[in-house]
N, C-alpha and C. Protein backbone atom coordinates (compact mmCIF):
# COMPACT_ATOMS: atom_id res chain seq x y z
N MET A 1 95.88 110.47 57.31
CA MET A 1 96.18 111.23 57.56
C MET A 1 95.20 110.80 59.54
N GLY A 2 94.42 110.64 59.57
CA GLY A 2 93.77 110.65 60.55
C GLY A 2 93.27 109.18 61.29
N PHE A 3 94.07 108.24 60.13
CA PHE A 3 93.39 106.46 60.27
C PHE A 3 94.84 106.07 60.50
N LEU A 4 96.73 107.28 60.38
CA LEU A 4 97.60 107.01 60.78
C LEU A 4 97.67 107.74 62.22
N LYS A 5 97.24 108.75 62.74
CA LYS A 5 97.26 108.51 63.91
C LYS A 5 96.49 108.42 65.26
N PHE A 6 95.48 107.53 64.34
CA PHE A 6 94.25 106.55 65.05
C PHE A 6 95.39 105.23 65.74
N LEU A 7 95.80 104.87 64.31
CA LEU A 7 97.16 103.23 64.89
C LEU A 7 98.00 103.60 65.72
N VAL A 8 99.11 105.00 65.50
CA VAL A 8 99.66 104.88 65.94
C VAL A 8 98.82 105.47 68.22
N TRP A 9 97.85 105.66 68.02
CA TRP A 9 97.75 106.41 69.25
C TRP A 9 96.86 104.87 70.39
N THR A 10 96.15 104.37 68.98
CA THR A 10 96.40 102.56 69.74
C THR A 10 97.33 101.85 69.94
N GLY A 11 98.08 102.65 68.98
CA GLY A 11 99.55 102.10 69.23
C GLY A 11 100.90 102.03 70.22
N CYS A 12 100.26 103.38 71.11
CA CYS A 12 101.23 103.33 72.28
C CYS A 12 100.27 103.25 73.40
N ALA A 13 98.67 102.94 73.28
CA ALA A 13 97.20 102.46 74.37
C ALA A 13 97.87 101.22 74.43
N VAL A 14 98.37 100.37 73.31
CA VAL A 14 98.37 99.00 73.74
C VAL A 14 99.93 98.71 74.69
N GLY A 15 100.90 99.55 73.93
CA GLY A 15 102.30 99.16 74.48
C GLY A 15 101.62 99.40 76.88
N LEU A 16 101.62 100.77 76.52
CA LEU A 16 101.06 100.91 77.71
C LEU A 16 100.41 100.17 78.30
N GLY A 17 99.22 99.59 77.94
CA GLY A 17 98.56 98.98 78.86
C GLY A 17 99.79 97.90 78.68
N VAL A 18 99.64 97.12 77.98
CA VAL A 18 101.02 95.62 78.22
C VAL A 18 102.09 95.97 79.24
N PHE A 19 102.60 97.52 79.40
CA PHE A 19 103.83 97.89 80.26
C PHE A 19 103.10 97.50 81.81
N LEU A 20 102.20 98.01 81.96
CA LEU A 20 101.10 97.95 83.37
C LEU A 20 101.18 96.65 83.97
N ALA A 21 100.90 95.95 82.69
CA ALA A 21 100.31 94.77 83.08
C ALA A 21 102.46 93.75 83.21
N ILE A 22 102.92 93.71 82.29
CA ILE A 22 104.12 93.11 82.66
C ILE A 22 105.11 93.77 82.85
N GLY A 23 104.88 95.21 82.58
CA GLY A 23 106.29 95.65 83.69
C GLY A 23 107.14 95.89 84.79
N GLU A 24 108.06 96.37 84.95
CA GLU A 24 108.02 96.17 86.58
C GLU A 24 109.70 97.49 86.66
N ILE A 25 108.96 97.60 87.58
CA ILE A 25 109.57 99.83 88.19
C ILE A 25 110.52 99.20 89.40
N ASP A 26 110.73 99.11 90.49
CA ASP A 26 112.02 98.59 91.22
C ASP A 26 110.58 97.29 91.39
N GLY A 27 111.42 96.47 90.77
CA GLY A 27 110.56 94.98 91.61
C GLY A 27 109.79 94.42 90.76
N ARG A 28 108.41 96.27 91.32
CA ARG A 28 107.31 95.51 91.09
C ARG A 28 107.13 95.85 89.89
N PRO A 29 104.96 95.55 89.51
CA PRO A 29 104.58 96.14 88.86
C PRO A 29 103.84 97.25 88.70
N PRO A 30 103.29 97.97 87.64
CA PRO A 30 102.72 99.31 87.73
C PRO A 30 101.61 99.11 88.63
N MET A 31 100.79 97.69 88.76
CA MET A 31 99.54 98.10 88.77
C MET A 31 99.62 97.98 90.31
N GLU A 32 100.75 96.83 91.11
CA GLU A 32 101.18 97.29 92.66
C GLU A 32 100.98 98.37 93.28
N TYR A 33 101.56 100.21 92.68
CA TYR A 33 102.31 100.86 93.09
C TYR A 33 99.92 101.16 92.83
N VAL A 34 99.94 101.32 91.87
CA VAL A 34 98.34 102.32 91.66
C VAL A 34 97.95 102.26 92.34
N GLN A 35 97.33 100.33 92.90
CA GLN A 35 96.75 100.04 93.96
C GLN A 35 97.21 100.26 95.89
N ARG A 36 98.27 100.59 95.72
CA ARG A 36 98.71 100.51 96.82
C ARG A 36 98.27 102.39 97.34
N GLU A 37 98.18 102.97 96.41
CA GLU A 37 97.90 104.88 96.38
C GLU A 37 96.59 105.07 96.62
N TRP A 38 96.06 104.02 95.53
CA TRP A 38 94.40 103.86 96.01
C TRP A 38 93.68 104.14 96.94
N LYS A 39 94.38 102.74 97.77
CA LYS A 39 94.03 102.22 99.03
C LYS A 39 94.67 102.96 100.50
N ARG A 40 95.42 103.96 99.42
CA ARG A 40 96.41 105.40 100.55
C ARG A 40 95.31 105.85 100.92
N HIS A 41 95.00 106.93 99.65
CA HIS A 41 94.42 107.80 99.35
C HIS A 41 92.52 107.66 99.15
N VAL A 42 92.06 107.01 98.58
CA VAL A 42 90.51 107.11 98.41
C VAL A 42 89.55 105.80 99.93
N GLN A 43 89.21 106.59 101.14
CA GLN A 43 88.73 105.95 102.15
C GLN A 43 88.43 104.93 101.48
N PRO A 44 88.18 103.36 102.19
CA PRO A 44 87.09 102.71 101.71
C PRO A 44 86.41 101.91 102.24
N ALA A 45 86.69 103.28 103.87
CA ALA A 45 84.87 103.05 104.66
C ALA A 45 84.02 103.70 103.43
N LYS A 46 84.29 104.96 103.14
CA LYS A 46 83.54 105.67 102.47
C LYS A 46 82.54 105.62 101.56
N VAL A 47 83.33 104.24 100.39
CA VAL A 47 82.83 103.54 99.48
C VAL A 47 81.79 102.91 100.09
N GLU A 48 82.02 101.80 101.09
CA GLU A 48 81.76 100.93 102.01
C GLU A 48 79.93 101.57 102.46
N ARG A 49 79.89 102.65 102.89
CA ARG A 49 79.56 102.95 103.29
C ARG A 49 77.85 103.91 102.74
N VAL A 50 79.04 104.92 100.91
CA VAL A 50 77.88 104.79 99.99
C VAL A 50 77.28 103.40 99.52
N LYS A 51 77.70 101.94 99.14
CA LYS A 51 77.31 101.40 99.22
C LYS A 51 75.97 100.78 99.98
N GLY A 52 76.36 100.33 101.30
CA GLY A 52 75.28 100.26 101.83
C GLY A 52 74.16 100.71 101.71
N GLU A 53 74.37 102.53 101.53
CA GLU A 53 73.36 103.50 101.43
C GLU A 53 72.16 102.88 100.31
N LEU A 54 73.31 102.60 99.62
CA LEU A 54 72.57 102.47 98.13
C LEU A 54 71.82 101.38 98.80
N LYS A 55 71.97 100.04 98.56
CA LYS A 55 71.38 98.86 99.14
C LYS A 55 69.85 99.38 100.31
N ASP A 56 70.24 99.85 100.98
CA ASP A 56 69.53 100.52 102.48
C ASP A 56 68.48 100.93 101.52
N ALA A 57 68.14 102.19 100.08
CA ALA A 57 67.33 102.94 99.79
C ALA A 57 66.88 101.53 98.76
N LEU A 58 67.60 100.95 97.95
CA LEU A 58 67.02 99.83 97.14
C LEU A 58 65.40 98.74 97.69
N ASP A 59 65.95 98.80 99.44
CA ASP A 59 65.22 97.50 99.14
C ASP A 59 64.22 98.12 99.67
N GLU A 60 64.63 99.33 100.79
CA GLU A 60 63.69 100.09 101.12
C GLU A 60 62.10 101.00 99.62
N ALA A 61 62.77 101.10 98.92
CA ALA A 61 61.46 101.00 97.41
C ALA A 61 61.44 99.15 97.14
N LYS A 62 62.20 98.60 97.29
CA LYS A 62 61.31 97.39 96.70
C LYS A 62 60.66 96.80 97.27
N ASP A 63 60.27 97.41 99.05
CA ASP A 63 59.36 96.86 100.19
C ASP A 63 58.04 97.91 99.81
N THR A 64 58.35 99.44 99.24
CA THR A 64 57.06 100.00 99.45
C THR A 64 56.28 99.59 97.87
N VAL A 65 57.11 99.35 96.51
CA VAL A 65 56.09 98.84 95.64
C VAL A 65 55.69 97.65 95.62
N THR A 66 56.23 96.49 96.65
CA THR A 66 56.01 95.24 97.15
C THR A 66 54.34 95.71 97.90
N ARG A 67 54.10 96.29 99.54
CA ARG A 67 53.41 96.83 99.74
C ARG A 67 52.52 97.70 98.74
N THR A 68 52.48 98.59 97.90
CA THR A 68 51.42 98.96 97.79
C THR A 68 50.85 98.64 96.92
N THR A 69 52.09 97.63 95.79
CA THR A 69 50.85 96.30 95.08
C THR A 69 50.38 95.64 95.62
N LYS A 70 50.47 94.95 96.63
CA LYS A 70 49.91 94.39 97.71
C LYS A 70 48.34 94.75 98.01
N GLN A 71 48.39 95.59 98.51
CA GLN A 71 47.36 96.64 99.41
C GLN A 71 46.46 96.80 97.64
N ALA A 72 46.76 97.23 96.85
CA ALA A 72 45.66 97.54 95.95
C ALA A 72 44.91 96.00 95.16
N ALA A 73 46.01 95.08 95.97
CA ALA A 73 44.98 93.97 94.73
C ALA A 73 44.24 93.08 96.10
N ALA A 74 45.10 93.98 97.20
CA ALA A 74 43.73 93.40 98.90
C ALA A 74 42.81 94.88 98.25
N ALA A 75 42.23 96.03 97.62
CA ALA A 75 41.39 96.38 97.73
C ALA A 75 39.90 95.88 97.30
N PRO A 76 38.58 96.00 98.42
CA PRO A 76 37.83 95.46 97.30
C PRO A 76 36.86 95.58 96.12
N ARG A 77 36.98 95.22 94.79
CA ARG A 77 36.23 96.43 93.94
C ARG A 77 35.07 96.65 94.19
N GLU A 78 34.66 98.07 93.54
CA GLU A 78 33.66 98.61 94.30
C GLU A 78 31.76 98.06 92.86
N ARG A 79 31.01 97.34 93.26
CA ARG A 79 30.15 96.96 92.71
C ARG A 79 28.67 97.70 92.66
N ILE A 80 28.39 98.35 91.24
CA ILE A 80 27.58 99.23 91.64
C ILE A 80 26.24 98.40 91.23
N THR A 81 25.58 98.30 91.63
CA THR A 81 24.12 97.49 91.24
C THR A 81 23.43 97.76 90.46
N ASN A 82 22.26 97.48 89.80
CA ASN A 82 21.68 98.44 88.83
C ASN A 82 20.57 99.72 89.10
N GLU A 83 20.41 98.71 90.22
CA GLU A 83 18.93 100.12 91.15
C GLU A 83 20.25 101.23 91.40
N ASP A 84 21.57 101.06 91.62
CA ASP A 84 22.49 102.58 91.91
C ASP A 84 22.51 103.21 90.58
N ARG A 85 22.69 102.03 89.81
CA ARG A 85 22.93 103.14 88.37
C ARG A 85 21.41 103.80 87.47
N ALA A 86 20.34 103.26 88.07
CA ALA A 86 19.08 103.97 87.51
C ALA A 86 19.22 104.94 88.34
N ALA A 87 19.60 105.21 89.54
CA ALA A 87 19.37 106.22 90.62
C ALA A 87 20.55 107.28 90.11
N ILE A 88 21.37 107.16 89.97
CA ILE A 88 22.77 108.13 89.13
C ILE A 88 21.69 108.77 88.01
N ASP A 89 21.63 107.49 87.42
CA ASP A 89 21.14 108.01 85.44
C ASP A 89 19.50 108.93 86.11
N ARG A 90 19.01 109.41 87.04
CA ARG A 90 17.94 109.67 87.13
C ARG A 90 18.86 111.34 87.76
N ILE A 91 19.28 111.00 88.59
CA ILE A 91 20.09 112.44 89.16
C ILE A 91 20.98 113.42 87.37
N ILE A 92 21.29 112.33 86.62
CA ILE A 92 21.61 113.55 85.82
C ILE A 92 20.88 114.13 84.22
N ALA A 93 19.70 112.86 84.64
CA ALA A 93 18.48 113.33 84.05
C ALA A 93 17.87 114.50 84.54
N GLN A 94 18.49 114.97 85.62
CA GLN A 94 16.77 115.68 86.32
C GLN A 94 18.00 117.20 86.44
N LYS A 95 19.72 117.36 86.21
CA LYS A 95 20.72 118.14 85.84
C LYS A 95 20.97 119.13 84.19
N LYS A 96 19.71 117.64 83.32
CA LYS A 96 19.48 118.31 82.05
C LYS A 96 18.64 119.41 82.14
C-alpha cells in the first residue's frame, strides 16, 4: 500500500512539473505568472541589500583573519638563554 501511495504522489509531482513547464494558461506558461507575482510581492531591493551585507561581513572576516595571521607570524619568538633558564631553576628550587 505504501509503495502504491509513493507511485501515485510521484506521478502527481511529475505531472505538475510538466504542466508548470509546458502548459499554458491564457497563452502564457504558469511559470511566467509565478515569476511576475514574485517580482511584484518580493522586494528585490531587500534581497540585494542582504546580499551586500553578507558580502561585506565575509570580506571583513577575511581581512580580520588575514591580519591576525600575519601579525602572529611577524611577532618575534621568545628566546630563553641558558642563563635565564638557570635563574628560573634557582627561583623554583628556593620555593621548594
